[in-house]
Amino acid sequence: MEFYFDHINYFAKDIERAKSFYTNTLGLDLVCQGAPHAFSVKLDKSNFIVVLQLDEADSNDHNTTSAVFRVDNLEETLTSLKAKKVSILSDLEDRTSHLRAAILDTEGNRIFLIERKRKA
């Protein structure tokens, strides 16, 4: 039996605000609108899907799940996101194989951003 990553599921208190963040602020492509309670976005160069659905239980426990998005230049990405007033949870960290930072979406969901280190 083989398993493949399909999508990540997040909850949102305000679907329209979350959709604006993922499509307008991050520039991801809207691939499905499960009106009025859910939508899906896709990174344009991969098959990575993020599904957001209304948090009807009002659980407020968003930090148990996170997505990881790879970027080409983390420093430039952080500068751009800061200019857009995106919440930076942790600034650039130098890890063994990559650089990493964490942001929060408008619903309090954690998103890790990584830049893979080039092999010398």
PDB file of N, CA and C in Angstrom:
ATOM      1  N   MET A   1       0.848  -1.172   0.000  1.00  0.00           N
ATOM      2  CA  MET A   1       0.000   0.000   0.000  1.00  0.00           C
ATOM      3  C   MET A   1       0.897   1.241   0.000  1.00  0.00           C
ATOM      4  N   GLU A   2       0.599   2.199  -0.869  1.00  0.00           N
ATOM      5  CA  GLU A   2       1.351   3.450  -0.929  1.00  0.00           C
ATOM      6  C   GLU A   2       0.434   4.611  -0.587  1.00  0.00           C
ATOM      7  N   PHE A   3       0.996   5.592   0.073  1.00  0.00           N
ATOM      8  CA  PHE A   3       0.254   6.794   0.421  1.00  0.00           C
ATOM      9  C   PHE A   3       0.926   7.990  -0.224  1.00  0.00           C
ATOM     10  N   TYR A   4       0.165   8.950  -0.694  1.00  0.00           N
ATOM     11  CA  TYR A   4       0.671  10.182  -1.293  1.00  0.00           C
ATOM     12  C   TYR A   4      -0.027  11.367  -0.637  1.00  0.00           C
ATOM     13  N   PHE A   5       0.716  12.409  -0.474  1.00  0.00           N
ATOM     14  CA  PHE A   5       0.104  13.610   0.102  1.00  0.00           C
ATOM     15  C   PHE A   5      -0.953  14.151  -0.843  1.00  0.00           C
ATOM     16  N   ASP A   6      -2.113  14.468  -0.318  1.00  0.00           N
ATOM     17  CA  ASP A   6      -3.204  14.984  -1.140  1.00  0.00           C
ATOM     18  C   ASP A   6      -3.492  16.447  -0.847  1.00  0.00           C
ATOM     19  N   HIS A   7      -3.772  16.783   0.398  1.00  0.00           N
ATOM     20  CA  HIS A   7      -4.067  18.170   0.753  1.00  0.00           C
ATOM     21  C   HIS A   7      -3.916  18.361   2.253  1.00  0.00           C
ATOM     22  N   ILE A   8      -3.992  19.601   2.665  1.00  0.00           N
ATOM     23  CA  ILE A   8      -4.035  19.922   4.087  1.00  0.00           C
ATOM     24  C   ILE A   8      -5.342  20.661   4.332  1.00  0.00           C
ATOM     25  N   ASN A   9      -5.934  20.432   5.479  1.00  0.00           N
ATOM     26  CA  ASN A   9      -7.220  21.033   5.803  1.00  0.00           C
ATOM     27  C   ASN A   9      -7.057  21.999   6.962  1.00  0.00           C
ATOM     28  N   TYR A  10      -7.502  23.225   6.783  1.00  0.00           N
ATOM     29  CA  TYR A  10      -7.487  24.245   7.819  1.00  0.00           C
ATOM     30  C   TYR A  10      -8.921  24.674   8.107  1.00  0.00           C
ATOM     31  N   PHE A  11      -9.113  25.256   9.267  1.00  0.00           N
ATOM     32  CA  PHE A  11     -10.406  25.811   9.626  1.00  0.00           C
ATOM     33  C   PHE A  11     -10.315  27.337   9.628  1.00  0.00           C
ATOM     34  N   ALA A  12     -11.418  27.976   9.315  1.00  0.00           N
ATOM     35  CA  ALA A  12     -11.466  29.438   9.261  1.00  0.00           C
ATOM     36  C   ALA A  12     -12.728  29.935   9.950  1.00  0.00           C
ATOM     37  N   LYS A  13     -12.602  31.035  10.653  1.00  0.00           N
ATOM     38  CA  LYS A  13     -13.770  31.680  11.256  1.00  0.00           C
ATOM     39  C   LYS A  13     -14.477  32.576  10.238  1.00  0.00           C
ATOM     40  N   ASP A  14     -13.718  33.087   9.267  1.00  0.00           N
ATOM     41  CA  ASP A  14     -14.256  33.971   8.236  1.00  0.00           C
ATOM     42  C   ASP A  14     -13.727  33.488   6.881  1.00  0.00           C
ATOM     43  N   ILE A  15     -14.570  32.767   6.145  1.00  0.00           N
ATOM     44  CA  ILE A  15     -14.153  32.156   4.880  1.00  0.00           C
ATOM     45  C   ILE A  15     -13.709  33.207   3.859  1.00  0.00           C
ATOM     46  N   GLU A  16     -14.423  34.300   3.718  1.00  0.00           N
ATOM     47  CA  GLU A  16     -14.056  35.317   2.720  1.00  0.00           C
ATOM     48  C   GLU A  16     -12.725  35.979   3.066  1.00  0.00           C
ATOM     49  N   ARG A  17     -12.506  36.255   4.333  1.00  0.00           N
ATOM     50  CA  ARG A  17     -11.232  36.849   4.756  1.00  0.00           C
ATOM     51  C   ARG A  17     -10.084  35.869   4.485  1.00  0.00           C
ATOM     52  N   ALA A  18     -10.296  34.591   4.799  1.00  0.00           N
ATOM     53  CA  ALA A  18      -9.274  33.571   4.554  1.00  0.00           C
ATOM     54  C   ALA A  18      -9.013  33.412   3.058  1.00  0.00           C
ATOM     55  N   LYS A  19     -10.070  33.406   2.258  1.00  0.00           N
ATOM     56  CA  LYS A  19      -9.907  33.272   0.807  1.00  0.00           C
ATOM     57  C   LYS A  19      -9.108  34.440   0.249  1.00  0.00           C
ATOM     58  N   SER A  20      -9.368  35.632   0.711  1.00  0.00           N
ATOM     59  CA  SER A  20      -8.622  36.812   0.274  1.00  0.00           C
ATOM     60  C   SER A  20      -7.147  36.687   0.641  1.00  0.00           C
ATOM     61  N   PHE A  21      -6.855  36.186   1.836  1.00  0.00           N
ATOM     62  CA  PHE A  21      -5.468  36.021   2.264  1.00  0.00           C
ATOM     63  C   PHE A  21      -4.729  35.055   1.339  1.00  0.00           C
ATOM     64  N   TYR A  22      -5.312  33.895   1.092  1.00  0.00           N
ATOM     65  CA  TYR A  22      -4.630  32.873   0.295  1.00  0.00           C
ATOM     66  C   TYR A  22      -4.554  33.249  -1.193  1.00  0.00           C
ATOM     67  N   THR A  23      -5.582  33.889  -1.729  1.00  0.00           N
ATOM     68  CA  THR A  23      -5.568  34.217  -3.158  1.00  0.00           C
ATOM     69  C   THR A  23      -4.931  35.574  -3.441  1.00  0.00           C
ATOM     70  N   ASN A  24      -5.277  36.605  -2.692  1.00  0.00           N
ATOM     71  CA  ASN A  24      -4.752  37.944  -2.965  1.00  0.00           C
ATOM     72  C   ASN A  24      -3.387  38.191  -2.318  1.00  0.00           C
ATOM     73  N   THR A  25      -3.252  37.872  -1.030  1.00  0.00           N
ATOM     74  CA  THR A  25      -2.000  38.152  -0.325  1.00  0.00           C
ATOM     75  C   THR A  25      -0.899  37.178  -0.726  1.00  0.00           C
ATOM     76  N   LEU A  26      -1.203  35.864  -0.712  1.00  0.00           N
ATOM     77  CA  LEU A  26      -0.188  34.868  -1.067  1.00  0.00           C
ATOM     78  C   LEU A  26      -0.150  34.560  -2.558  1.00  0.00           C
ATOM     79  N   GLY A  27      -1.210  34.913  -3.292  1.00  0.00           N
ATOM     80  CA  GLY A  27      -1.225  34.721  -4.739  1.00  0.00           C
ATOM     81  C   GLY A  27      -1.472  33.287  -5.189  1.00  0.00           C
ATOM     82  N   LEU A  28      -2.107  32.453  -4.349  1.00  0.00           N
ATOM     83  CA  LEU A  28      -2.398  31.080  -4.743  1.00  0.00           C
ATOM     84  C   LEU A  28      -3.641  31.031  -5.624  1.00  0.00           C
ATOM     85  N   ASP A  29      -3.734  29.998  -6.426  1.00  0.00           N
ATOM     86  CA  ASP A  29      -4.859  29.841  -7.347  1.00  0.00           C
ATOM     87  C   ASP A  29      -6.038  29.182  -6.644  1.00  0.00           C
ATOM     88  N   LEU A  30      -7.228  29.800  -6.786  1.00  0.00           N
ATOM     89  CA  LEU A  30      -8.460  29.209  -6.274  1.00  0.00           C
ATOM     90  C   LEU A  30      -8.839  28.070  -7.210  1.00  0.00           C
ATOM     91  N   VAL A  31      -8.984  26.853  -6.691  1.00  0.00           N
ATOM     92  CA  VAL A  31      -9.312  25.716  -7.545  1.00  0.00           C
ATOM     93  C   VAL A  31     -10.713  25.173  -7.306  1.00  0.00           C
ATOM     94  N   CYS A  32     -11.305  25.503  -6.170  1.00  0.00           N
ATOM     95  CA  CYS A  32     -12.648  25.010  -5.882  1.00  0.00           C
ATOM     96  C   CYS A  32     -13.303  25.897  -4.827  1.00  0.00           C
ATOM     97  N   GLN A  33     -14.528  26.307  -5.098  1.00  0.00           N
ATOM     98  CA  GLN A  33     -15.296  27.065  -4.116  1.00  0.00           C
ATOM     99  C   GLN A  33     -16.448  26.187  -3.662  1.00  0.00           C
ATOM    100  N   GLY A  34     -16.342  25.642  -2.461  1.00  0.00           N
ATOM    101  CA  GLY A  34     -17.412  24.825  -1.903  1.00  0.00           C
ATOM    102  C   GLY A  34     -18.376  25.707  -1.150  1.00  0.00           C
ATOM    103  N   ALA A  35     -19.051  26.587  -1.881  1.00  0.00           N
ATOM    104  CA  ALA A  35     -19.870  27.649  -1.307  1.00  0.00           C
ATOM    105  C   ALA A  35     -20.897  27.102  -0.331  1.00  0.00           C
ATOM    106  N   PRO A  36     -21.196  27.836   0.718  1.00  0.00           N
ATOM    107  CA  PRO A  36     -20.470  29.023   1.164  1.00  0.00           C
ATOM    108  C   PRO A  36     -19.457  28.704   2.270  1.00  0.00           C
ATOM    109  N   HIS A  37     -19.250  27.426   2.542  1.00  0.00           N
ATOM    110  CA  HIS A  37     -18.500  27.060   3.744  1.00  0.00           C
ATOM    111  C   HIS A  37     -17.075  26.566   3.524  1.00  0.00           C
ATOM    112  N   ALA A  38     -16.605  26.483   2.292  1.00  0.00           N
ATOM    113  CA  ALA A  38     -15.259  25.947   2.063  1.00  0.00           C
ATOM    114  C   ALA A  38     -14.715  26.392   0.711  1.00  0.00           C
ATOM    115  N   PHE A  39     -13.386  26.346   0.581  1.00  0.00           N
ATOM    116  CA  PHE A  39     -12.735  26.588  -0.696  1.00  0.00           C
ATOM    117  C   PHE A  39     -11.381  25.902  -0.682  1.00  0.00           C
ATOM    118  N   SER A  40     -10.815  25.717  -1.859  1.00  0.00           N
ATOM    119  CA  SER A  40      -9.492  25.104  -1.998  1.00  0.00           C
ATOM    120  C   SER A  40      -8.612  26.004  -2.842  1.00  0.00           C
ATOM    121  N   VAL A  41      -7.337  26.066  -2.474  1.00  0.00           N
ATOM    122  CA  VAL A  41      -6.353  26.807  -3.261  1.00  0.00           C
ATOM    123  C   VAL A  41      -5.196  25.871  -3.586  1.00  0.00           C
ATOM    124  N   LYS A  42      -4.458  26.203  -4.662  1.00  0.00           N
ATOM    125  CA  LYS A  42      -3.365  25.343  -5.113  1.00  0.00           C
ATOM    126  C   LYS A  42      -2.150  26.195  -5.421  1.00  0.00           C
ATOM    127  N   LEU A  43      -0.978  25.709  -5.021  1.00  0.00           N
ATOM    128  CA  LEU A  43       0.258  26.342  -5.429  1.00  0.00           C
ATOM    129  C   LEU A  43       0.444  26.030  -6.902  1.00  0.00           C
ATOM    130  N   ASP A  44       0.775  27.040  -7.699  1.00  0.00           N
ATOM    131  CA  ASP A  44       0.756  26.885  -9.153  1.00  0.00           C
ATOM    132  C   ASP A  44       1.788  25.922  -9.724  1.00  0.00           C
ATOM    133  N   LYS A  45       2.884  25.659  -9.049  1.00  0.00           N
ATOM    134  CA  LYS A  45       3.926  24.780  -9.599  1.00  0.00           C
ATOM    135  C   LYS A  45       3.964  23.416  -8.930  1.00  0.00           C
ATOM    136  N   SER A  46       2.918  23.065  -8.225  1.00  0.00           N
ATOM    137  CA  SER A  46       2.895  21.763  -7.561  1.00  0.00           C
ATOM    138  C   SER A  46       1.464  21.272  -7.476  1.00  0.00           C
ATOM    139  N   ASN A  47       1.277  20.124  -6.904  1.00  0.00           N
ATOM    140  CA  ASN A  47      -0.063  19.589  -6.693  1.00  0.00           C
ATOM    141  C   ASN A  47      -0.511  19.777  -5.251  1.00  0.00           C
ATOM    142  N   PHE A  48       0.128  20.688  -4.540  1.00  0.00           N
ATOM    143  CA  PHE A  48      -0.182  20.927  -3.138  1.00  0.00           C
ATOM    144  C   PHE A  48      -1.492  21.709  -3.025  1.00  0.00           C
ATOM    145  N   ILE A  49      -2.446  21.145  -2.328  1.00  0.00           N
ATOM    146  CA  ILE A  49      -3.769  21.761  -2.167  1.00  0.00           C
ATOM    147  C   ILE A  49      -3.988  22.103  -0.700  1.00  0.00           C
ATOM    148  N   VAL A  50      -4.552  23.288  -0.459  1.00  0.00           N
ATOM    149  CA  VAL A  50      -4.963  23.701   0.877  1.00  0.00           C
ATOM    150  C   VAL A  50      -6.482  23.861   0.844  1.00  0.00           C
ATOM    151  N   VAL A  51      -7.163  23.183   1.732  1.00  0.00           N
ATOM    152  CA  VAL A  51      -8.619  23.284   1.839  1.00  0.00           C
ATOM    153  C   VAL A  51      -8.938  24.043   3.114  1.00  0.00           C
ATOM    154  N   LEU A  52      -9.769  25.063   3.011  1.00  0.00           N
ATOM    155  CA  LEU A  52     -10.234  25.778   4.198  1.00  0.00           C
ATOM    156  C   LEU A  52     -11.730  25.608   4.307  1.00  0.00           C
ATOM    157  N   GLN A  53     -12.176  25.309   5.515  1.00  0.00           N
ATOM    158  CA  GLN A  53     -13.602  25.157   5.750  1.00  0.00           C
ATOM    159  C   GLN A  53     -13.987  25.902   7.010  1.00  0.00           C
ATOM    160  N   LEU A  54     -15.247  26.262   7.076  1.00  0.00           N
ATOM    161  CA  LEU A  54     -15.761  27.040   8.199  1.00  0.00           C
ATOM    162  C   LEU A  54     -15.598  26.273   9.501  1.00  0.00           C
ATOM    163  N   ASP A  55     -15.095  26.951  10.525  1.00  0.00           N
ATOM    164  CA  ASP A  55     -14.907  26.371  11.854  1.00  0.00           C
ATOM    165  C   ASP A  55     -16.195  26.551  12.643  1.00  0.00           C
ATOM    166  N   GLU A  56     -17.155  25.674  12.379  1.00  0.00           N
ATOM    167  CA  GLU A  56     -18.459  25.795  13.035  1.00  0.00           C
ATOM    168  C   GLU A  56     -18.407  25.438  14.514  1.00  0.00           C
ATOM    169  N   ALA A  57     -17.417  24.643  14.908  1.00  0.00           N
ATOM    170  CA  ALA A  57     -17.283  24.257  16.316  1.00  0.00           C
ATOM    171  C   ALA A  57     -16.580  25.328  17.126  1.00  0.00           C
ATOM    172  N   ASP A  58     -15.993  26.333  16.433  1.00  0.00           N
ATOM    173  CA  ASP A  58     -15.262  27.413  17.090  1.00  0.00           C
ATOM    174  C   ASP A  58     -14.200  26.837  18.029  1.00  0.00           C
ATOM    175  N   SER A  59     -13.423  25.880  17.498  1.00  0.00           N
ATOM    176  CA  SER A  59     -12.460  25.164  18.336  1.00  0.00           C
ATOM    177  C   SER A  59     -11.276  26.016  18.761  1.00  0.00           C
ATOM    178  N   ASN A  60     -10.883  26.986  17.946  1.00  0.00           N
ATOM    179  CA  ASN A  60      -9.765  27.880  18.262  1.00  0.00           C
ATOM    180  C   ASN A  60      -8.441  27.141  18.448  1.00  0.00           C
ATOM    181  N   ASP A  61      -8.344  25.906  17.962  1.00  0.00           N
ATOM    182  CA  ASP A  61      -7.123  25.122  18.115  1.00  0.00           C
ATOM    183  C   ASP A  61      -6.449  24.959  16.755  1.00  0.00           C
ATOM    184  N   HIS A  62      -6.037  26.085  16.158  1.00  0.00           N
ATOM    185  CA  HIS A  62      -5.506  26.072  14.805  1.00  0.00           C
ATOM    186  C   HIS A  62      -4.029  25.716  14.736  1.00  0.00           C
ATOM    187  N   ASN A  63      -3.301  25.808  15.819  1.00  0.00           N
ATOM    188  CA  ASN A  63      -1.859  25.618  15.748  1.00  0.00           C
ATOM    189  C   ASN A  63      -1.427  24.163  15.806  1.00  0.00           C
ATOM    190  N   THR A  64      -2.351  23.222  15.792  1.00  0.00           N
ATOM    191  CA  THR A  64      -1.984  21.819  15.779  1.00  0.00           C
ATOM    192  C   THR A  64      -1.657  21.340  14.373  1.00  0.00           C
ATOM    193  N   THR A  65      -2.056  22.085  13.367  1.00  0.00           N
ATOM    194  CA  THR A  65      -1.808  21.740  11.973  1.00  0.00           C
ATOM    195  C   THR A  65      -1.071  22.887  11.318  1.00  0.00           C
ATOM    196  N   SER A  66      -0.152  22.548  10.425  1.00  0.00           N
ATOM    197  CA  SER A  66       0.522  23.614   9.690  1.00  0.00           C
ATOM    198  C   SER A  66       0.872  23.120   8.302  1.00  0.00           C
ATOM    199  N   ALA A  67       1.000  24.049   7.396  1.00  0.00           N
ATOM    200  CA  ALA A  67       1.437  23.756   6.039  1.00  0.00           C
ATOM    201  C   ALA A  67       2.881  24.221   5.912  1.00  0.00           C
ATOM    202  N   VAL A  68       3.601  23.624   4.963  1.00  0.00           N
ATOM    203  CA  VAL A  68       4.963  24.047   4.670  1.00  0.00           C
ATOM    204  C   VAL A  68       5.024  24.400   3.193  1.00  0.00           C
ATOM    205  N   PHE A  69       5.359  25.658   2.907  1.00  0.00           N
ATOM    206  CA  PHE A  69       5.496  26.132   1.533  1.00  0.00           C
ATOM    207  C   PHE A  69       6.960  26.401   1.262  1.00  0.00           C
ATOM    208  N   ARG A  70       7.487  25.848   0.174  1.00  0.00           N
ATOM    209  CA  ARG A  70       8.871  26.119  -0.215  1.00  0.00           C
ATOM    210  C   ARG A  70       8.897  27.352  -1.093  1.00  0.00           C
ATOM    211  N   VAL A  71       9.866  28.235  -0.860  1.00  0.00           N
ATOM    212  CA  VAL A  71      10.041  29.453  -1.660  1.00  0.00           C
ATOM    213  C   VAL A  71      11.479  29.503  -2.172  1.00  0.00           C
ATOM    214  N   ASP A  72      11.704  30.285  -3.222  1.00  0.00           N
ATOM    215  CA  ASP A  72      13.050  30.397  -3.791  1.00  0.00           C
ATOM    216  C   ASP A  72      13.953  31.309  -2.967  1.00  0.00           C
ATOM    217  N   ASN A  73      13.381  32.387  -2.415  1.00  0.00           N
ATOM    218  CA  ASN A  73      14.173  33.345  -1.651  1.00  0.00           C
ATOM    219  C   ASN A  73      13.373  33.752  -0.414  1.00  0.00           C
ATOM    220  N   LEU A  74      13.699  33.160   0.710  1.00  0.00           N
ATOM    221  CA  LEU A  74      12.923  33.380   1.932  1.00  0.00           C
ATOM    222  C   LEU A  74      13.028  34.814   2.423  1.00  0.00           C
ATOM    223  N   GLU A  75      14.210  35.405   2.342  1.00  0.00           N
ATOM    224  CA  GLU A  75      14.377  36.781   2.816  1.00  0.00           C
ATOM    225  C   GLU A  75      13.496  37.749   2.030  1.00  0.00           C
ATOM    226  N   GLU A  76      13.478  37.631   0.711  1.00  0.00           N
ATOM    227  CA  GLU A  76      12.624  38.492  -0.116  1.00  0.00           C
ATOM    228  C   GLU A  76      11.147  38.235   0.174  1.00  0.00           C
ATOM    229  N   THR A  77      10.800  36.967   0.348  1.00  0.00           N
ATOM    230  CA  THR A  77       9.412  36.615   0.641  1.00  0.00           C
ATOM    231  C   THR A  77       8.961  37.241   1.958  1.00  0.00           C
ATOM    232  N   LEU A  78       9.784  37.147   2.995  1.00  0.00           N
ATOM    233  CA  LEU A  78       9.432  37.737   4.284  1.00  0.00           C
ATOM    234  C   LEU A  78       9.292  39.250   4.187  1.00  0.00           C
ATOM    235  N   THR A  79      10.187  39.889   3.455  1.00  0.00           N
ATOM    236  CA  THR A  79      10.103  41.345   3.274  1.00  0.00           C
ATOM    237  C   THR A  79       8.783  41.726   2.620  1.00  0.00           C
ATOM    238  N   SER A  80       8.405  40.982   1.589  1.00  0.00           N
ATOM    239  CA  SER A  80       7.140  41.243   0.896  1.00  0.00           C
ATOM    240  C   SER A  80       5.938  41.007   1.810  1.00  0.00           C
ATOM    241  N   LEU A  81       5.955  39.921   2.571  1.00  0.00           N
ATOM    242  CA  LEU A  81       4.828  39.617   3.462  1.00  0.00           C
ATOM    243  C   LEU A  81       4.725  40.622   4.605  1.00  0.00           C
ATOM    244  N   LYS A  82       5.861  41.082   5.121  1.00  0.00           N
ATOM    245  CA  LYS A  82       5.843  42.108   6.172  1.00  0.00           C
ATOM    246  C   LYS A  82       5.227  43.392   5.645  1.00  0.00           C
ATOM    247  N   ALA A  83       5.539  43.753   4.404  1.00  0.00           N
ATOM    248  CA  ALA A  83       4.961  44.957   3.787  1.00  0.00           C
ATOM    249  C   ALA A  83       3.444  44.822   3.639  1.00  0.00           C
ATOM    250  N   LYS A  84       2.972  43.592   3.511  1.00  0.00           N
ATOM    251  CA  LYS A  84       1.533  43.325   3.392  1.00  0.00           C
ATOM    252  C   LYS A  84       0.881  43.127   4.761  1.00  0.00           C
ATOM    253  N   LYS A  85       1.648  43.383   5.839  1.00  0.00           N
ATOM    254  CA  LYS A  85       1.156  43.301   7.223  1.00  0.00           C
ATOM    255  C   LYS A  85       0.759  41.884   7.636  1.00  0.00           C
ATOM    256  N   VAL A  86       1.413  40.876   7.051  1.00  0.00           N
ATOM    257  CA  VAL A  86       1.178  39.489   7.445  1.00  0.00           C
ATOM    258  C   VAL A  86       1.851  39.255   8.796  1.00  0.00           C
ATOM    259  N   SER A  87       1.190  38.516   9.678  1.00  0.00           N
ATOM    260  CA  SER A  87       1.738  38.210  11.000  1.00  0.00           C
ATOM    261  C   SER A  87       2.894  37.225  10.873  1.00  0.00           C
ATOM    262  N   ILE A  88       4.073  37.634  11.341  1.00  0.00           N
ATOM    263  CA  ILE A  88       5.259  36.784  11.319  1.00  0.00           C
ATOM    264  C   ILE A  88       5.360  36.106  12.683  1.00  0.00           C
ATOM    265  N   LEU A  89       5.227  34.809  12.714  1.00  0.00           N
ATOM    266  CA  LEU A  89       5.288  34.057  13.960  1.00  0.00           C
ATOM    267  C   LEU A  89       6.740  33.845  14.387  1.00  0.00           C
ATOM    268  N   SER A  90       7.598  33.473  13.441  1.00  0.00           N
ATOM    269  CA  SER A  90       9.032  33.360  13.724  1.00  0.00           C
ATOM    270  C   SER A  90       9.798  33.801  12.487  1.00  0.00           C
ATOM    271  N   ASP A  91      10.770  34.670  12.700  1.00  0.00           N
ATOM    272  CA  ASP A  91      11.555  35.210  11.596  1.00  0.00           C
ATOM    273  C   ASP A  91      12.521  34.154  11.080  1.00  0.00           C
ATOM    274  N   LEU A  92      13.323  34.507  10.128  1.00  0.00           N
ATOM    275  CA  LEU A  92      14.231  33.586   9.456  1.00  0.00           C
ATOM    276  C   LEU A  92      15.133  32.839  10.428  1.00  0.00           C
ATOM    277  N   GLU A  93      15.102  31.511  10.339  1.00  0.00           N
ATOM    278  CA  GLU A  93      15.943  30.635  11.150  1.00  0.00           C
ATOM    279  C   GLU A  93      16.809  29.809  10.206  1.00  0.00           C
ATOM    280  N   ASP A  94      18.093  29.676  10.537  1.00  0.00           N
ATOM    281  CA  ASP A  94      19.014  28.870   9.730  1.00  0.00           C
ATOM    282  C   ASP A  94      19.014  27.455  10.287  1.00  0.00           C
ATOM    283  N   ARG A  95      18.452  26.523   9.533  1.00  0.00           N
ATOM    284  CA  ARG A  95      18.391  25.116   9.939  1.00  0.00           C
ATOM    285  C   ARG A  95      19.442  24.325   9.157  1.00  0.00           C
ATOM    286  N   THR A  96      19.578  23.057   9.433  1.00  0.00           N
ATOM    287  CA  THR A  96      20.594  22.232   8.792  1.00  0.00           C
ATOM    288  C   THR A  96      20.454  22.193   7.273  1.00  0.00           C
ATOM    289  N   SER A  97      19.279  21.916   6.770  1.00  0.00           N
ATOM    290  CA  SER A  97      19.081  21.744   5.329  1.00  0.00           C
ATOM    291  C   SER A  97      18.317  22.878   4.661  1.00  0.00           C
ATOM    292  N   HIS A  98      17.833  23.820   5.454  1.00  0.00           N
ATOM    293  CA  HIS A  98      16.999  24.879   4.887  1.00  0.00           C
ATOM    294  C   HIS A  98      16.938  26.084   5.822  1.00  0.00           C
ATOM    295  N   LEU A  99      16.455  27.176   5.266  1.00  0.00           N
ATOM    296  CA  LEU A  99      16.101  28.356   6.054  1.00  0.00           C
ATOM    297  C   LEU A  99      14.606  28.255   6.313  1.00  0.00           C
ATOM    298  N   ARG A 100      14.159  28.714   7.483  1.00  0.00           N
ATOM    299  CA  ARG A 100      12.747  28.566   7.822  1.00  0.00           C
ATOM    300  C   ARG A 100      12.229  29.798   8.533  1.00  0.00           C
ATOM    301  N   ALA A 101      10.972  30.100   8.283  1.00  0.00           N
ATOM    302  CA  ALA A 101      10.239  31.138   9.007  1.00  0.00           C
ATOM    303  C   ALA A 101       8.797  30.642   9.140  1.00  0.00           C
ATOM    304  N   ALA A 102       8.036  31.279  10.009  1.00  0.00           N
ATOM    305  CA  ALA A 102       6.636  30.902  10.172  1.00  0.00           C
ATOM    306  C   ALA A 102       5.771  32.150  10.176  1.00  0.00           C
ATOM    307  N   ILE A 103       4.643  32.069   9.505  1.00  0.00           N
ATOM    308  CA  ILE A 103       3.664  33.152   9.471  1.00  0.00           C
ATOM    309  C   ILE A 103       2.326  32.606   9.952  1.00  0.00           C
ATOM    310  N   LEU A 104       1.406  33.515  10.211  1.00  0.00           N
ATOM    311  CA  LEU A 104       0.035  33.136  10.540  1.00  0.00           C
ATOM    312  C   LEU A 104      -0.879  33.664   9.454  1.00  0.00           C
ATOM    313  N   ASP A 105      -1.860  32.850   9.055  1.00  0.00           N
ATOM    314  CA  ASP A 105      -2.869  33.375   8.139  1.00  0.00           C
ATOM    315  C   ASP A 105      -3.874  34.189   8.951  1.00  0.00           C
ATOM    316  N   THR A 106      -4.875  34.704   8.300  1.00  0.00           N
ATOM    317  CA  THR A 106      -5.852  35.556   8.986  1.00  0.00           C
ATOM    318  C   THR A 106      -6.688  34.805  10.011  1.00  0.00           C
ATOM    319  N   GLU A 107      -6.662  33.472   9.965  1.00  0.00           N
ATOM    320  CA  GLU A 107      -7.453  32.666  10.883  1.00  0.00           C
ATOM    321  C   GLU A 107      -6.615  32.068  12.005  1.00  0.00           C
ATOM    322  N   GLY A 108      -5.327  32.445  12.086  1.00  0.00           N
ATOM    323  CA  GLY A 108      -4.451  31.950  13.140  1.00  0.00           C
ATOM    324  C   GLY A 108      -3.780  30.626  12.826  1.00  0.00           C
ATOM    325  N   ASN A 109      -3.888  30.157  11.576  1.00  0.00           N
ATOM    326  CA  ASN A 109      -3.229  28.923  11.170  1.00  0.00           C
ATOM    327  C   ASN A 109      -1.755  29.199  10.873  1.00  0.00           C
ATOM    328  N   ARG A 110      -0.881  28.323  11.351  1.00  0.00           N
ATOM    329  CA  ARG A 110       0.560  28.471  11.154  1.00  0.00           C
ATOM    330  C   ARG A 110       0.962  27.943   9.777  1.00  0.00           C
ATOM    331  N   ILE A 111       1.797  28.706   9.088  1.00  0.00           N
ATOM    332  CA  ILE A 111       2.352  28.306   7.799  1.00  0.00           C
ATOM    333  C   ILE A 111       3.862  28.451   7.892  1.00  0.00           C
ATOM    334  N   PHE A 112       4.585  27.345   7.671  1.00  0.00           N
ATOM    335  CA  PHE A 112       6.036  27.421   7.619  1.00  0.00           C
ATOM    336  C   PHE A 112       6.462  27.726   6.194  1.00  0.00           C
ATOM    337  N   LEU A 113       7.437  28.605   6.046  1.00  0.00           N
ATOM    338  CA  LEU A 113       8.039  28.922   4.756  1.00  0.00           C
ATOM    339  C   LEU A 113       9.480  28.440   4.807  1.00  0.00           C
ATOM    340  N   ILE A 114       9.903  27.701   3.790  1.00  0.00           N
ATOM    341  CA  ILE A 114      11.281  27.214   3.789  1.00  0.00           C
ATOM    342  C   ILE A 114      11.965  27.524   2.464  1.00  0.00           C
ATOM    343  N   GLU A 115      13.276  27.708   2.556  1.00  0.00           N
ATOM    344  CA  GLU A 115      14.130  27.826   1.377  1.00  0.00           C
ATOM    345  C   GLU A 115      15.193  26.750   1.523  1.00  0.00           C
ATOM    346  N   ARG A 116      15.204  25.815   0.611  1.00  0.00           N
ATOM    347  CA  ARG A 116      16.188  24.737   0.651  1.00  0.00           C
ATOM    348  C   ARG A 116      17.586  25.311   0.391  1.00  0.00           C
ATOM    349  N   LYS A 117      18.558  24.821   1.159  1.00  0.00           N
ATOM    350  CA  LYS A 117      19.944  25.260   0.936  1.00  0.00           C
ATOM    351  C   LYS A 117      20.511  24.564  -0.295  1.00  0.00           C
ATOM    352  N   ARG A 118      21.261  25.295  -1.075  1.00  0.00           N
ATOM    353  CA  ARG A 118      21.903  24.744  -2.257  1.00  0.00           C
ATOM    354  C   ARG A 118      23.103  23.905  -1.822  1.00  0.00           C
ATOM    355  N   LYS A 119      23.261  22.760  -2.423  1.00  0.00           N
ATOM    356  CA  LYS A 119      24.408  21.903  -2.103  1.00  0.00           C
ATOM    357  C   LYS A 119      25.650  22.470  -2.768  1.00  0.00           C
ATOM    358  N   ALA A 120      26.747  22.546  -2.008  1.00  0.00           N
ATOM    359  CA  ALA A 120      27.999  23.118  -2.529  1.00  0.00           C
ATOM    360  C   ALA A 120      28.717  22.175  -3.459  1.00  0.00           C
TER     361      ALA A 120
END
